[in-house]
Amino acid sequence: MRNAASFLTTLDESTLYQFESVSEDVFDDAKATFVEWTDLDASLTDFTVAAHMDALGVDHVLTYDRHYDAFDVTTLPYRNQS
């Protein structure tokens, strides 16, 4: 837990990274898509991150979560999706 707290402090003090709040519109979009895409088996958190990325114009995400392959984003590290 100490490492996680240290990591959050590092991010908070960084000039390269920034925390972004999720707006009500983004969350509403995420909930609607979550309900529509029941076959994806992704979490509401995945849908919220994807909707927030779309709203911010972010197209790359650092993750090993396979669910992001279904969204219009590039996952890093890159995985061959075949």
PDB file of N, CA and C in Angstrom:
ATOM      1  N   MET A   1       0.821  -1.184   0.000  1.00  0.00           N
ATOM      2  CA  MET A   1       0.000   0.000   0.000  1.00  0.00           C
ATOM      3  C   MET A   1       0.871   1.256   0.000  1.00  0.00           C
ATOM      4  N   ARG A   2       2.027   1.177   0.630  1.00  0.00           N
ATOM      5  CA  ARG A   2       2.930   2.322   0.680  1.00  0.00           C
ATOM      6  C   ARG A   2       3.389   2.702  -0.727  1.00  0.00           C
ATOM      7  N   ASN A   3       3.658   1.695  -1.566  1.00  0.00           N
ATOM      8  CA  ASN A   3       4.079   1.973  -2.941  1.00  0.00           C
ATOM      9  C   ASN A   3       2.974   2.659  -3.728  1.00  0.00           C
ATOM     10  N   ALA A   4       1.747   2.237  -3.522  1.00  0.00           N
ATOM     11  CA  ALA A   4       0.618   2.859  -4.223  1.00  0.00           C
ATOM     12  C   ALA A   4       0.465   4.316  -3.798  1.00  0.00           C
ATOM     13  N   ALA A   5       0.599   4.581  -2.520  1.00  0.00           N
ATOM     14  CA  ALA A   5       0.497   5.958  -2.029  1.00  0.00           C
ATOM     15  C   ALA A   5       1.632   6.809  -2.576  1.00  0.00           C
ATOM     16  N   SER A   6       2.822   6.250  -2.626  1.00  0.00           N
ATOM     17  CA  SER A   6       3.971   6.966  -3.181  1.00  0.00           C
ATOM     18  C   SER A   6       3.767   7.257  -4.662  1.00  0.00           C
ATOM     19  N   PHE A   7       3.230   6.289  -5.380  1.00  0.00           N
ATOM     20  CA  PHE A   7       2.952   6.469  -6.803  1.00  0.00           C
ATOM     21  C   PHE A   7       1.943   7.597  -7.023  1.00  0.00           C
ATOM     22  N   LEU A   8       0.880   7.621  -6.234  1.00  0.00           N
ATOM     23  CA  LEU A   8      -0.120   8.691  -6.351  1.00  0.00           C
ATOM     24  C   LEU A   8       0.481  10.061  -6.042  1.00  0.00           C
ATOM     25  N   THR A   9       1.339  10.120  -5.049  1.00  0.00           N
ATOM     26  CA  THR A   9       2.007  11.384  -4.729  1.00  0.00           C
ATOM     27  C   THR A   9       2.879  11.834  -5.892  1.00  0.00           C
ATOM     28  N   THR A  10       3.611  10.903  -6.487  1.00  0.00           N
ATOM     29  CA  THR A  10       4.455  11.223  -7.640  1.00  0.00           C
ATOM     30  C   THR A  10       3.616  11.757  -8.790  1.00  0.00           C
ATOM     31  N   LEU A  11       2.499  11.111  -9.079  1.00  0.00           N
ATOM     32  CA  LEU A  11       1.616  11.589 -10.146  1.00  0.00           C
ATOM     33  C   LEU A  11       1.062  12.969  -9.832  1.00  0.00           C
ATOM     34  N   ASP A  12       0.661  13.159  -8.594  1.00  0.00           N
ATOM     35  CA  ASP A  12       0.067  14.429  -8.183  1.00  0.00           C
ATOM     36  C   ASP A  12       1.059  15.585  -8.303  1.00  0.00           C
ATOM     37  N   GLU A  13       2.324  15.322  -8.057  1.00  0.00           N
ATOM     38  CA  GLU A  13       3.351  16.359  -8.113  1.00  0.00           C
ATOM     39  C   GLU A  13       3.976  16.506  -9.497  1.00  0.00           C
ATOM     40  N   SER A  14       3.612  15.656 -10.422  1.00  0.00           N
ATOM     41  CA  SER A  14       4.205  15.644 -11.756  1.00  0.00           C
ATOM     42  C   SER A  14       3.741  16.824 -12.606  1.00  0.00           C
ATOM     43  N   THR A  15       4.636  17.299 -13.454  1.00  0.00           N
ATOM     44  CA  THR A  15       4.257  18.305 -14.456  1.00  0.00           C
ATOM     45  C   THR A  15       3.910  17.637 -15.777  1.00  0.00           C
ATOM     46  N   LEU A  16       4.154  16.336 -15.876  1.00  0.00           N
ATOM     47  CA  LEU A  16       3.868  15.586 -17.097  1.00  0.00           C
ATOM     48  C   LEU A  16       2.466  14.981 -17.078  1.00  0.00           C
ATOM     49  N   TYR A  17       2.034  14.515 -15.919  1.00  0.00           N
ATOM     50  CA  TYR A  17       0.740  13.859 -15.779  1.00  0.00           C
ATOM     51  C   TYR A  17      -0.209  14.756 -15.005  1.00  0.00           C
ATOM     52  N   GLN A  18      -1.502  14.530 -15.221  1.00  0.00           N
ATOM     53  CA  GLN A  18      -2.493  15.279 -14.455  1.00  0.00           C
ATOM     54  C   GLN A  18      -3.713  14.404 -14.211  1.00  0.00           C
ATOM     55  N   PHE A  19      -4.356  14.623 -13.094  1.00  0.00           N
ATOM     56  CA  PHE A  19      -5.603  13.944 -12.790  1.00  0.00           C
ATOM     57  C   PHE A  19      -6.740  14.703 -13.449  1.00  0.00           C
ATOM     58  N   GLU A  20      -7.704  13.979 -13.973  1.00  0.00           N
ATOM     59  CA  GLU A  20      -8.875  14.570 -14.615  1.00  0.00           C
ATOM     60  C   GLU A  20     -10.125  14.019 -13.949  1.00  0.00           C
ATOM     61  N   SER A  21     -11.048  14.886 -13.628  1.00  0.00           N
ATOM     62  CA  SER A  21     -12.337  14.448 -13.087  1.00  0.00           C
ATOM     63  C   SER A  21     -13.253  14.025 -14.226  1.00  0.00           C
ATOM     64  N   VAL A  22     -14.094  13.065 -13.947  1.00  0.00           N
ATOM     65  CA  VAL A  22     -15.052  12.600 -14.946  1.00  0.00           C
ATOM     66  C   VAL A  22     -16.330  13.420 -14.797  1.00  0.00           C
ATOM     67  N   SER A  23     -16.746  14.029 -15.887  1.00  0.00           N
ATOM     68  CA  SER A  23     -17.966  14.840 -15.843  1.00  0.00           C
ATOM     69  C   SER A  23     -19.203  13.943 -15.786  1.00  0.00           C
ATOM     70  N   GLU A  24     -20.304  14.532 -15.411  1.00  0.00           N
ATOM     71  CA  GLU A  24     -21.565  13.792 -15.358  1.00  0.00           C
ATOM     72  C   GLU A  24     -21.953  13.286 -16.746  1.00  0.00           C
ATOM     73  N   ASP A  25     -21.724  14.087 -17.794  1.00  0.00           N
ATOM     74  CA  ASP A  25     -22.037  13.668 -19.164  1.00  0.00           C
ATOM     75  C   ASP A  25     -21.219  12.450 -19.581  1.00  0.00           C
ATOM     76  N   VAL A  26     -19.938  12.456 -19.248  1.00  0.00           N
ATOM     77  CA  VAL A  26     -19.073  11.319 -19.577  1.00  0.00           C
ATOM     78  C   VAL A  26     -19.549  10.075 -18.833  1.00  0.00           C
ATOM     79  N   PHE A  27     -19.879  10.218 -17.560  1.00  0.00           N
ATOM     80  CA  PHE A  27     -20.340   9.071 -16.782  1.00  0.00           C
ATOM     81  C   PHE A  27     -21.669   8.542 -17.310  1.00  0.00           C
ATOM     82  N   ASP A  28     -22.567   9.433 -17.695  1.00  0.00           N
ATOM     83  CA  ASP A  28     -23.846   9.011 -18.283  1.00  0.00           C
ATOM     84  C   ASP A  28     -23.622   8.248 -19.583  1.00  0.00           C
ATOM     85  N   ASP A  29     -22.688   8.721 -20.411  1.00  0.00           N
ATOM     86  CA  ASP A  29     -22.351   8.030 -21.654  1.00  0.00           C
ATOM     87  C   ASP A  29     -21.781   6.643 -21.358  1.00  0.00           C
ATOM     88  N   ALA A  30     -20.907   6.571 -20.370  1.00  0.00           N
ATOM     89  CA  ALA A  30     -20.316   5.284 -19.990  1.00  0.00           C
ATOM     90  C   ALA A  30     -21.381   4.306 -19.506  1.00  0.00           C
ATOM     91  N   LYS A  31     -22.306   4.775 -18.682  1.00  0.00           N
ATOM     92  CA  LYS A  31     -23.374   3.896 -18.182  1.00  0.00           C
ATOM     93  C   LYS A  31     -24.248   3.390 -19.318  1.00  0.00           C
ATOM     94  N   ALA A  32     -24.595   4.271 -20.251  1.00  0.00           N
ATOM     95  CA  ALA A  32     -25.451   3.868 -21.373  1.00  0.00           C
ATOM     96  C   ALA A  32     -24.761   2.818 -22.237  1.00  0.00           C
ATOM     97  N   THR A  33     -23.492   3.031 -22.520  1.00  0.00           N
ATOM     98  CA  THR A  33     -22.747   2.065 -23.334  1.00  0.00           C
ATOM     99  C   THR A  33     -22.565   0.756 -22.582  1.00  0.00           C
ATOM    100  N   PHE A  34     -22.319   0.823 -21.292  1.00  0.00           N
ATOM    101  CA  PHE A  34     -22.166  -0.366 -20.453  1.00  0.00           C
ATOM    102  C   PHE A  34     -23.407  -1.247 -20.534  1.00  0.00           C
ATOM    103  N   VAL A  35     -24.575  -0.639 -20.477  1.00  0.00           N
ATOM    104  CA  VAL A  35     -25.835  -1.382 -20.545  1.00  0.00           C
ATOM    105  C   VAL A  35     -26.045  -1.967 -21.943  1.00  0.00           C
ATOM    106  N   GLU A  36     -25.672  -1.224 -22.985  1.00  0.00           N
ATOM    107  CA  GLU A  36     -25.851  -1.686 -24.367  1.00  0.00           C
ATOM    108  C   GLU A  36     -24.899  -2.823 -24.728  1.00  0.00           C
ATOM    109  N   TRP A  37     -23.671  -2.773 -24.257  1.00  0.00           N
ATOM    110  CA  TRP A  37     -22.637  -3.733 -24.653  1.00  0.00           C
ATOM    111  C   TRP A  37     -22.491  -4.840 -23.617  1.00  0.00           C
ATOM    112  N   THR A  38     -23.559  -5.509 -23.281  1.00  0.00           N
ATOM    113  CA  THR A  38     -23.529  -6.520 -22.224  1.00  0.00           C
ATOM    114  C   THR A  38     -22.651  -7.717 -22.567  1.00  0.00           C
ATOM    115  N   ASP A  39     -22.405  -7.972 -23.852  1.00  0.00           N
ATOM    116  CA  ASP A  39     -21.622  -9.142 -24.253  1.00  0.00           C
ATOM    117  C   ASP A  39     -20.111  -8.940 -24.101  1.00  0.00           C
ATOM    118  N   LEU A  40     -19.656  -7.734 -23.833  1.00  0.00           N
ATOM    119  CA  LEU A  40     -18.218  -7.464 -23.741  1.00  0.00           C
ATOM    120  C   LEU A  40     -17.617  -7.972 -22.434  1.00  0.00           C
ATOM    121  N   ASP A  41     -18.399  -8.060 -21.384  1.00  0.00           N
ATOM    122  CA  ASP A  41     -17.934  -8.518 -20.073  1.00  0.00           C
ATOM    123  C   ASP A  41     -16.855  -7.602 -19.490  1.00  0.00           C
ATOM    124  N   ALA A  42     -16.917  -6.318 -19.823  1.00  0.00           N
ATOM    125  CA  ALA A  42     -15.995  -5.329 -19.261  1.00  0.00           C
ATOM    126  C   ALA A  42     -16.670  -4.646 -18.077  1.00  0.00           C
ATOM    127  N   SER A  43     -15.866  -4.054 -17.228  1.00  0.00           N
ATOM    128  CA  SER A  43     -16.408  -3.388 -16.040  1.00  0.00           C
ATOM    129  C   SER A  43     -16.916  -1.990 -16.385  1.00  0.00           C
ATOM    130  N   LEU A  44     -17.731  -1.452 -15.499  1.00  0.00           N
ATOM    131  CA  LEU A  44     -18.187  -0.073 -15.659  1.00  0.00           C
ATOM    132  C   LEU A  44     -16.984   0.873 -15.637  1.00  0.00           C
ATOM    133  N   THR A  45     -15.964   0.526 -14.879  1.00  0.00           N
ATOM    134  CA  THR A  45     -14.741   1.337 -14.858  1.00  0.00           C
ATOM    135  C   THR A  45     -14.107   1.388 -16.241  1.00  0.00           C
ATOM    136  N   ASP A  46     -14.028   0.248 -16.934  1.00  0.00           N
ATOM    137  CA  ASP A  46     -13.480   0.227 -18.300  1.00  0.00           C
ATOM    138  C   ASP A  46     -14.266   1.156 -19.216  1.00  0.00           C
ATOM    139  N   PHE A  47     -15.579   1.096 -19.133  1.00  0.00           N
ATOM    140  CA  PHE A  47     -16.419   1.951 -19.973  1.00  0.00           C
ATOM    141  C   PHE A  47     -16.251   3.424 -19.613  1.00  0.00           C
ATOM    142  N   THR A  48     -16.094   3.705 -18.327  1.00  0.00           N
ATOM    143  CA  THR A  48     -15.907   5.092 -17.899  1.00  0.00           C
ATOM    144  C   THR A  48     -14.575   5.635 -18.405  1.00  0.00           C
ATOM    145  N   VAL A  49     -13.523   4.847 -18.294  1.00  0.00           N
ATOM    146  CA  VAL A  49     -12.214   5.272 -18.810  1.00  0.00           C
ATOM    147  C   VAL A  49     -12.289   5.499 -20.312  1.00  0.00           C
ATOM    148  N   ALA A  50     -12.912   4.586 -21.052  1.00  0.00           N
ATOM    149  CA  ALA A  50     -13.019   4.722 -22.507  1.00  0.00           C
ATOM    150  C   ALA A  50     -13.825   5.963 -22.892  1.00  0.00           C
ATOM    151  N   ALA A  51     -14.924   6.222 -22.205  1.00  0.00           N
ATOM    152  CA  ALA A  51     -15.741   7.404 -22.502  1.00  0.00           C
ATOM    153  C   ALA A  51     -14.986   8.687 -22.168  1.00  0.00           C
ATOM    154  N   HIS A  52     -14.239   8.659 -21.075  1.00  0.00           N
ATOM    155  CA  HIS A  52     -13.456   9.834 -20.677  1.00  0.00           C
ATOM    156  C   HIS A  52     -12.328  10.089 -21.682  1.00  0.00           C
ATOM    157  N   MET A  53     -11.679   9.023 -22.127  1.00  0.00           N
ATOM    158  CA  MET A  53     -10.636   9.162 -23.145  1.00  0.00           C
ATOM    159  C   MET A  53     -11.209   9.781 -24.409  1.00  0.00           C
ATOM    160  N   ASP A  54     -12.382   9.323 -24.809  1.00  0.00           N
ATOM    161  CA  ASP A  54     -13.030   9.861 -26.007  1.00  0.00           C
ATOM    162  C   ASP A  54     -13.323  11.355 -25.842  1.00  0.00           C
ATOM    163  N   ALA A  55     -13.838  11.729 -24.694  1.00  0.00           N
ATOM    164  CA  ALA A  55     -14.170  13.137 -24.438  1.00  0.00           C
ATOM    165  C   ALA A  55     -12.929  14.025 -24.444  1.00  0.00           C
ATOM    166  N   LEU A  56     -11.797  13.474 -23.989  1.00  0.00           N
ATOM    167  CA  LEU A  56     -10.553  14.244 -23.929  1.00  0.00           C
ATOM    168  C   LEU A  56      -9.739  14.155 -25.218  1.00  0.00           C
ATOM    169  N   GLY A  57     -10.146  13.274 -26.142  1.00  0.00           N
ATOM    170  CA  GLY A  57      -9.387  13.096 -27.376  1.00  0.00           C
ATOM    171  C   GLY A  57      -8.122  12.275 -27.187  1.00  0.00           C
ATOM    172  N   VAL A  58      -8.100  11.442 -26.155  1.00  0.00           N
ATOM    173  CA  VAL A  58      -6.953  10.572 -25.877  1.00  0.00           C
ATOM    174  C   VAL A  58      -7.165   9.261 -26.629  1.00  0.00           C
ATOM    175  N   ASP A  59      -6.141   8.807 -27.357  1.00  0.00           N
ATOM    176  CA  ASP A  59      -6.332   7.594 -28.150  1.00  0.00           C
ATOM    177  C   ASP A  59      -5.364   6.458 -27.806  1.00  0.00           C
ATOM    178  N   HIS A  60      -4.552   6.616 -26.773  1.00  0.00           N
ATOM    179  CA  HIS A  60      -3.645   5.558 -26.329  1.00  0.00           C
ATOM    180  C   HIS A  60      -3.860   5.323 -24.835  1.00  0.00           C
ATOM    181  N   VAL A  61      -3.790   4.057 -24.435  1.00  0.00           N
ATOM    182  CA  VAL A  61      -3.934   3.714 -23.022  1.00  0.00           C
ATOM    183  C   VAL A  61      -2.886   2.657 -22.673  1.00  0.00           C
ATOM    184  N   LEU A  62      -2.248   2.826 -21.533  1.00  0.00           N
ATOM    185  CA  LEU A  62      -1.266   1.876 -21.037  1.00  0.00           C
ATOM    186  C   LEU A  62      -2.003   0.848 -20.187  1.00  0.00           C
ATOM    187  N   THR A  63      -2.152  -0.364 -20.728  1.00  0.00           N
ATOM    188  CA  THR A  63      -2.935  -1.389 -20.038  1.00  0.00           C
ATOM    189  C   THR A  63      -2.645  -2.766 -20.628  1.00  0.00           C
ATOM    190  N   TYR A  64      -2.887  -3.774 -19.840  1.00  0.00           N
ATOM    191  CA  TYR A  64      -2.907  -5.153 -20.333  1.00  0.00           C
ATOM    192  C   TYR A  64      -4.345  -5.672 -20.366  1.00  0.00           C
ATOM    193  N   ASP A  65      -5.301  -4.824 -20.068  1.00  0.00           N
ATOM    194  CA  ASP A  65      -6.715  -5.197 -20.022  1.00  0.00           C
ATOM    195  C   ASP A  65      -7.229  -5.420 -21.443  1.00  0.00           C
ATOM    196  N   ARG A  66      -7.627  -6.626 -21.748  1.00  0.00           N
ATOM    197  CA  ARG A  66      -8.065  -6.975 -23.103  1.00  0.00           C
ATOM    198  C   ARG A  66      -9.353  -6.266 -23.516  1.00  0.00           C
ATOM    199  N   HIS A  67     -10.123  -5.770 -22.562  1.00  0.00           N
ATOM    200  CA  HIS A  67     -11.397  -5.128 -22.891  1.00  0.00           C
ATOM    201  C   HIS A  67     -11.220  -3.869 -23.723  1.00  0.00           C
ATOM    202  N   TYR A  68     -10.080  -3.208 -23.607  1.00  0.00           N
ATOM    203  CA  TYR A  68      -9.877  -1.971 -24.363  1.00  0.00           C
ATOM    204  C   TYR A  68      -9.713  -2.225 -25.857  1.00  0.00           C
ATOM    205  N   ASP A  69      -9.487  -3.474 -26.248  1.00  0.00           N
ATOM    206  CA  ASP A  69      -9.434  -3.812 -27.676  1.00  0.00           C
ATOM    207  C   ASP A  69     -10.762  -3.514 -28.362  1.00  0.00           C
ATOM    208  N   ALA A  70     -11.854  -3.515 -27.625  1.00  0.00           N
ATOM    209  CA  ALA A  70     -13.183  -3.271 -28.197  1.00  0.00           C
ATOM    210  C   ALA A  70     -13.462  -1.787 -28.412  1.00  0.00           C
ATOM    211  N   PHE A  71     -12.681  -0.937 -27.766  1.00  0.00           N
ATOM    212  CA  PHE A  71     -12.880   0.506 -27.895  1.00  0.00           C
ATOM    213  C   PHE A  71     -11.939   1.053 -28.963  1.00  0.00           C
ATOM    214  N   ASP A  72     -12.201   2.255 -29.412  1.00  0.00           N
ATOM    215  CA  ASP A  72     -11.402   2.873 -30.470  1.00  0.00           C
ATOM    216  C   ASP A  72     -10.162   3.535 -29.872  1.00  0.00           C
ATOM    217  N   VAL A  73      -9.295   2.710 -29.262  1.00  0.00           N
ATOM    218  CA  VAL A  73      -8.060   3.198 -28.652  1.00  0.00           C
ATOM    219  C   VAL A  73      -6.921   2.239 -28.979  1.00  0.00           C
ATOM    220  N   THR A  74      -5.711   2.728 -28.876  1.00  0.00           N
ATOM    221  CA  THR A  74      -4.521   1.902 -29.040  1.00  0.00           C
ATOM    222  C   THR A  74      -4.009   1.545 -27.657  1.00  0.00           C
ATOM    223  N   THR A  75      -3.800   0.251 -27.429  1.00  0.00           N
ATOM    224  CA  THR A  75      -3.298  -0.185 -26.131  1.00  0.00           C
ATOM    225  C   THR A  75      -1.780  -0.300 -26.178  1.00  0.00           C
ATOM    226  N   LEU A  76      -1.144   0.115 -25.110  1.00  0.00           N
ATOM    227  CA  LEU A  76       0.301  -0.010 -24.948  1.00  0.00           C
ATOM    228  C   LEU A  76       0.546  -0.801 -23.682  1.00  0.00           C
ATOM    229  N   PRO A  77       1.425  -1.744 -23.602  1.00  0.00           N
ATOM    230  CA  PRO A  77       2.250  -2.153 -24.720  1.00  0.00           C
ATOM    231  C   PRO A  77       1.400  -2.778 -25.821  1.00  0.00           C
ATOM    232  N   TYR A  78       1.830  -2.567 -27.059  1.00  0.00           N
ATOM    233  CA  TYR A  78       1.066  -3.034 -28.214  1.00  0.00           C
ATOM    234  C   TYR A  78       0.984  -4.546 -28.201  1.00  0.00           C
ATOM    235  N   ARG A  79      -0.210  -5.049 -28.483  1.00  0.00           N
ATOM    236  CA  ARG A  79      -0.422  -6.493 -28.623  1.00  0.00           C
ATOM    237  C   ARG A  79      -1.019  -6.745 -29.990  1.00  0.00           C
ATOM    238  N   ASN A  80      -0.570  -7.774 -30.645  1.00  0.00           N
ATOM    239  CA  ASN A  80      -1.170  -8.174 -31.908  1.00  0.00           C
ATOM    240  C   ASN A  80      -2.574  -8.668 -31.611  1.00  0.00           C
ATOM    241  N   GLN A  81      -3.575  -8.073 -32.244  1.00  0.00           N
ATOM    242  CA  GLN A  81      -4.967  -8.395 -31.924  1.00  0.00           C
ATOM    243  C   GLN A  81      -5.525  -9.524 -32.784  1.00  0.00           C
ATOM    244  N   SER A  82      -4.671 -10.282 -33.450  1.00  0.00           N
ATOM    245  CA  SER A  82      -5.172 -11.396 -34.275  1.00  0.00           C
ATOM    246  C   SER A  82      -5.215 -12.686 -33.501  1.00  0.00           C
TER     247      SER A  82
END
